[in-house]
Structure formats: structure tokens, C-alpha cells
């Protein structure tokens, strides 16, 4: 929730007029509960979206979703249970996000962004997984970026904000 990439994405979205809500999954930081191998964490995302959609000044019909690393896995596998998401960005999604995933034809615009030096996600394998599982998704591989986006956090954040803004800002 407080790493440099997540903070940079939040700032870039706010600059585009998009409200953000950052949270830790169950069992992380001061969050209650325990790690649930991605199952219970889907409920965490659904609850966060429900809370965000009811906040004053937030249009609950124009919600987006950004997931980074494990958060990207949970975002993708739980997409069908998140209601009316208008767009989503998956940042450095581990390949396990695509395991057992039936081809996604949800119609939700998707951006997948990763680095060509990602130690967790091989960019060639990611290209194959996206092509085979996420119809119409935009894939961007950023030269020089590793899994934590060290020194390139703002580049990733700006890409995410540029992608989401047309879908979420009136």
C-alpha cells in the first residue's frame, strides 16, 4: 500500500482527477485476517470497490481497478465478481494470474504493463499469456523496468493514468 510504485500511481491518477483508494490485503500491515492464497483477497477487492463507490464525490458507476504484482493476480481472477468496473490496469502481473483463466471477453478495457527486466515476470512469456487470455488488452513492456520499477515508478504511473483517464473521467 505504501510502496513507491503504488504511491506514484495514486498521485498520477489524482492529477487526472481520479479518486483513489489504497489498501492492504488481509493479514498485511495492520489489516486483520490472514493470507488466503488469493481467494479471500478477492473479497477484499470487492469490499474496497464497494466502499469507494459510496464515498461522496465518487461516481460509483465509473470505477477502475489497478493491481500490482499479487494485486494484479487478484484483480484479474476476481474480475467477474467486481461489478461494473470500467477499466483495469495490471502492473507486473505474475504469470500465475493467467493460469486456469478462461479467455477474458468481459469487455472491460485492460492495460497490462511490465518491464523488460522484471525478475518475476518474463516479458516474452507475459506477451504470450496476454495474447492467449485477454482479448483486446493493451500490453506495454517498458525498457529497463524491473519488478519493483526502481527509478521508473513515475513512468509506470503515467502510463496507467493515461490509460485509465479516458475511461473514468467525464
Foldseek 3Di string as FASTA:
>chain_A
DPAPLVVLLCVLQVVLVHHDDDDDFDPPDPHHDDDDPLPVSLVVLLVVLVVQCPDPPHPNQQAEEEAAAVGLLSCQVSVVVNPRHQAYEYELYALVSLVPAAADPVVREYEYEYECAEPRHHPVVVVVSCVRHYPNYHYYYHYPAYSSRVVNSNVVSNVVNVVSSVRRPD
